[in-house]
Amino acid sequence: MPEATPTLDDPCPCGSALPYAGCCGRWHAGPQPAPDAEALMRSRYSAYVRGLHGYLLATWAAETRPAAIDPDPPGLKWLGLEVRRRRTIDADHAEVEFVARSKLGGRAQRLHETSRFERRDGRWVYVDGTLR
């Protein structure tokens, strides 16, 4: 049986316990950008869950952004996000360490990364990350 299409009232995938519309959905819908690096990181995770590749590319620094993002492999299930640490370096630079969990083909996976973010022209962008 296919999964139901997520709605604006569903819990946000980022784990905030807020409805999607009042959490990451507002950043996905625009025009307001995410207010800080952690909000952007959470919204990017939610964009991966919802397949919003345009949002991911738009919030990625031009010098490190790929030309395209491959679709998720069939059967990939995103299981959750844990923010482990946030660090403000200065007004325009920050880091967020997180663990994103998923499952593919019955096998659990985890992505543990410390991501670097910069504020450019008033908008936060993902620059790159270091896998842990």
C-alpha atoms as a PDB file:
ATOM      1  CA  MET A   1       0.000   0.000   0.000  1.00  0.00           C
ATOM      2  CA  PRO A   2       1.523   3.399  -0.973  1.00  0.00           C
ATOM      3  CA  GLU A   3       2.267   5.928   1.736  1.00  0.00           C
ATOM      4  CA  ALA A   4      -0.065   8.891   2.160  1.00  0.00           C
ATOM      5  CA  THR A   5       1.123  12.188   0.728  1.00  0.00           C
ATOM      6  CA  PRO A   6       2.339  14.396   3.591  1.00  0.00           C
ATOM      7  CA  THR A   7       0.181  17.415   4.429  1.00  0.00           C
ATOM      8  CA  LEU A   8       0.906  20.832   5.908  1.00  0.00           C
ATOM      9  CA  ASP A   9      -0.651  19.677   9.191  1.00  0.00           C
ATOM     10  CA  ASP A  10       1.592  16.614   9.570  1.00  0.00           C
ATOM     11  CA  PRO A  11       4.434  16.832  12.108  1.00  0.00           C
ATOM     12  CA  CYS A  12       7.514  18.422  10.590  1.00  0.00           C
ATOM     13  CA  PRO A  13      10.117  15.842   9.526  1.00  0.00           C
ATOM     14  CA  CYS A  14      12.856  17.816  11.329  1.00  0.00           C
ATOM     15  CA  GLY A  15      11.601  16.534  14.682  1.00  0.00           C
ATOM     16  CA  SER A  16      10.510  19.865  16.146  1.00  0.00           C
ATOM     17  CA  ALA A  17       7.022  18.512  17.089  1.00  0.00           C
ATOM     18  CA  LEU A  18       5.484  21.472  15.241  1.00  0.00           C
ATOM     19  CA  PRO A  19       3.218  21.055  12.214  1.00  0.00           C
ATOM     20  CA  TYR A  20       5.160  21.181   8.949  1.00  0.00           C
ATOM     21  CA  ALA A  21       3.395  24.406   7.856  1.00  0.00           C
ATOM     22  CA  GLY A  22       4.534  26.247  10.999  1.00  0.00           C
ATOM     23  CA  CYS A  23       8.060  24.873  10.932  1.00  0.00           C
ATOM     24  CA  CYS A  24      10.159  24.002   7.864  1.00  0.00           C
ATOM     25  CA  GLY A  25       7.195  24.376   5.506  1.00  0.00           C
ATOM     26  CA  ARG A  26       7.255  28.162   5.889  1.00  0.00           C
ATOM     27  CA  TRP A  27      10.899  28.293   4.768  1.00  0.00           C
ATOM     28  CA  HIS A  28      10.190  25.894   1.884  1.00  0.00           C
ATOM     29  CA  ALA A  29       7.276  28.045   0.731  1.00  0.00           C
ATOM     30  CA  GLY A  30       9.315  31.271   0.859  1.00  0.00           C
ATOM     31  CA  PRO A  31       9.821  34.141   0.463  1.00  0.00           C
ATOM     32  CA  GLN A  32      11.302  34.448   3.965  1.00  0.00           C
ATOM     33  CA  PRO A  33      14.618  32.637   4.448  1.00  0.00           C
ATOM     34  CA  ALA A  34      15.427  30.479   7.458  1.00  0.00           C
ATOM     35  CA  PRO A  35      16.461  32.839  10.282  1.00  0.00           C
ATOM     36  CA  ASP A  36      19.580  30.974  11.425  1.00  0.00           C
ATOM     37  CA  ALA A  37      21.907  28.114  10.522  1.00  0.00           C
ATOM     38  CA  GLU A  38      20.089  25.503  12.607  1.00  0.00           C
ATOM     39  CA  ALA A  39      16.711  26.401  11.097  1.00  0.00           C
ATOM     40  CA  LEU A  40      18.252  26.135   7.626  1.00  0.00           C
ATOM     41  CA  MET A  41      19.825  22.757   8.430  1.00  0.00           C
ATOM     42  CA  ARG A  42      16.500  21.444   9.767  1.00  0.00           C
ATOM     43  CA  SER A  43      14.676  22.777   6.702  1.00  0.00           C
ATOM     44  CA  ARG A  44      17.217  21.108   4.415  1.00  0.00           C
ATOM     45  CA  TYR A  45      16.699  17.762   6.164  1.00  0.00           C
ATOM     46  CA  SER A  46      12.926  18.204   5.750  1.00  0.00           C
ATOM     47  CA  ALA A  47      13.492  19.072   2.082  1.00  0.00           C
ATOM     48  CA  TYR A  48      15.371  15.794   1.601  1.00  0.00           C
ATOM     49  CA  VAL A  49      12.494  13.927   3.258  1.00  0.00           C
ATOM     50  CA  ARG A  50       9.934  15.652   1.016  1.00  0.00           C
ATOM     51  CA  GLY A  51      12.032  15.497  -2.167  1.00  0.00           C
ATOM     52  CA  LEU A  52      12.319  19.286  -2.543  1.00  0.00           C
ATOM     53  CA  HIS A  53      15.507  19.322  -4.566  1.00  0.00           C
ATOM     54  CA  GLY A  54      14.944  22.873  -5.832  1.00  0.00           C
ATOM     55  CA  TYR A  55      14.998  24.156  -2.255  1.00  0.00           C
ATOM     56  CA  LEU A  56      18.162  22.194  -1.492  1.00  0.00           C
ATOM     57  CA  LEU A  57      19.955  23.647  -4.508  1.00  0.00           C
ATOM     58  CA  ALA A  58      18.706  27.180  -3.741  1.00  0.00           C
ATOM     59  CA  THR A  59      20.083  27.002  -0.176  1.00  0.00           C
ATOM     60  CA  TRP A  60      23.478  25.589  -1.190  1.00  0.00           C
ATOM     61  CA  ALA A  61      26.509  27.879  -1.699  1.00  0.00           C
ATOM     62  CA  ALA A  62      27.152  28.295  -5.420  1.00  0.00           C
ATOM     63  CA  GLU A  63      30.807  27.231  -5.199  1.00  0.00           C
ATOM     64  CA  THR A  64      30.008  23.856  -3.620  1.00  0.00           C
ATOM     65  CA  ARG A  65      26.531  23.185  -5.049  1.00  0.00           C
ATOM     66  CA  PRO A  66      26.173  20.209  -7.394  1.00  0.00           C
ATOM     67  CA  ALA A  67      24.529  20.719 -10.784  1.00  0.00           C
ATOM     68  CA  ALA A  68      21.679  18.403  -9.744  1.00  0.00           C
ATOM     69  CA  ILE A  69      20.632  16.104  -6.924  1.00  0.00           C
ATOM     70  CA  ASP A  70      19.925  12.481  -7.745  1.00  0.00           C
ATOM     71  CA  PRO A  71      16.502  11.189  -6.749  1.00  0.00           C
ATOM     72  CA  ASP A  72      16.369   9.047  -3.630  1.00  0.00           C
ATOM     73  CA  PRO A  73      16.736   5.329  -4.302  1.00  0.00           C
ATOM     74  CA  PRO A  74      13.377   3.503  -4.286  1.00  0.00           C
ATOM     75  CA  GLY A  75      12.389   2.426  -0.801  1.00  0.00           C
ATOM     76  CA  LEU A  76      14.516   4.952   1.102  1.00  0.00           C
ATOM     77  CA  LYS A  77      12.799   5.954   4.348  1.00  0.00           C
ATOM     78  CA  TRP A  78      14.003   8.880   6.390  1.00  0.00           C
ATOM     79  CA  LEU A  79      13.708   8.003  10.089  1.00  0.00           C
ATOM     80  CA  GLY A  80      14.708  11.121  11.971  1.00  0.00           C
ATOM     81  CA  LEU A  81      17.075  13.944  12.719  1.00  0.00           C
ATOM     82  CA  GLU A  82      19.089  14.632  15.856  1.00  0.00           C
ATOM     83  CA  VAL A  83      20.829  17.970  16.244  1.00  0.00           C
ATOM     84  CA  ARG A  84      23.864  17.317  18.415  1.00  0.00           C
ATOM     85  CA  ARG A  85      25.548  20.706  18.519  1.00  0.00           C
ATOM     86  CA  ARG A  86      25.228  24.213  17.128  1.00  0.00           C
ATOM     87  CA  ARG A  87      28.041  26.710  17.156  1.00  0.00           C
ATOM     88  CA  THR A  88      27.858  30.351  16.172  1.00  0.00           C
ATOM     89  CA  ILE A  89      31.277  31.449  14.945  1.00  0.00           C
ATOM     90  CA  ASP A  90      30.282  35.056  14.217  1.00  0.00           C
ATOM     91  CA  ALA A  91      27.241  36.887  12.829  1.00  0.00           C
ATOM     92  CA  ASP A  92      27.660  35.308   9.386  1.00  0.00           C
ATOM     93  CA  HIS A  93      29.242  31.890  10.093  1.00  0.00           C
ATOM     94  CA  ALA A  94      27.953  28.883  12.022  1.00  0.00           C
ATOM     95  CA  GLU A  95      28.233  25.105  12.306  1.00  0.00           C
ATOM     96  CA  VAL A  96      25.614  22.488  13.086  1.00  0.00           C
ATOM     97  CA  GLU A  97      26.460  18.895  13.967  1.00  0.00           C
ATOM     98  CA  PHE A  98      23.668  16.417  13.294  1.00  0.00           C
ATOM     99  CA  VAL A  99      22.807  12.781  12.756  1.00  0.00           C
ATOM    100  CA  ALA A 100      20.208  11.920  10.090  1.00  0.00           C
ATOM    101  CA  ARG A 101      18.912   8.376  10.150  1.00  0.00           C
ATOM    102  CA  SER A 102      17.410   6.457   7.238  1.00  0.00           C
ATOM    103  CA  LYS A 103      16.636   2.932   6.128  1.00  0.00           C
ATOM    104  CA  LEU A 104      17.100   1.376   2.714  1.00  0.00           C
ATOM    105  CA  GLY A 105      16.373  -2.235   1.836  1.00  0.00           C
ATOM    106  CA  GLY A 106      15.930  -3.167   5.478  1.00  0.00           C
ATOM    107  CA  ARG A 107      19.337  -1.748   6.390  1.00  0.00           C
ATOM    108  CA  ALA A 108      19.672   1.195   8.784  1.00  0.00           C
ATOM    109  CA  GLN A 109      21.963   4.049   7.772  1.00  0.00           C
ATOM    110  CA  ARG A 110      23.120   7.186   9.495  1.00  0.00           C
ATOM    111  CA  LEU A 111      24.719  10.371   8.261  1.00  0.00           C
ATOM    112  CA  HIS A 112      26.734  12.119  10.990  1.00  0.00           C
ATOM    113  CA  GLU A 113      28.007  15.476   9.775  1.00  0.00           C
ATOM    114  CA  THR A 114      29.193  18.837  10.995  1.00  0.00           C
ATOM    115  CA  SER A 115      27.866  21.300   8.439  1.00  0.00           C
ATOM    116  CA  ARG A 116      29.233  24.774   7.757  1.00  0.00           C
ATOM    117  CA  PHE A 117      26.844  27.625   7.002  1.00  0.00           C
ATOM    118  CA  GLU A 118      27.352  31.235   5.945  1.00  0.00           C
ATOM    119  CA  ARG A 119      24.967  34.150   5.771  1.00  0.00           C
ATOM    120  CA  ARG A 120      25.222  35.826   2.375  1.00  0.00           C
ATOM    121  CA  ASP A 121      23.075  38.767   1.320  1.00  0.00           C
ATOM    122  CA  GLY A 122      20.905  38.177   4.396  1.00  0.00           C
ATOM    123  CA  ARG A 123      20.281  34.487   3.667  1.00  0.00           C
ATOM    124  CA  TRP A 124      21.910  31.473   5.266  1.00  0.00           C
ATOM    125  CA  VAL A 125      23.395  28.903   2.873  1.00  0.00           C
ATOM    126  CA  TYR A 126      24.921  25.462   3.352  1.00  0.00           C
ATOM    127  CA  VAL A 127      28.603  25.576   2.363  1.00  0.00           C
ATOM    128  CA  ASP A 128      29.922  22.088   3.079  1.00  0.00           C
ATOM    129  CA  GLY A 129      30.260  19.477   5.782  1.00  0.00           C
ATOM    130  CA  THR A 130      32.654  17.094   7.437  1.00  0.00           C
ATOM    131  CA  LEU A 131      31.471  13.525   7.921  1.00  0.00           C
ATOM    132  CA  ARG A 132      31.996  12.087  11.372  1.00  0.00           C
END
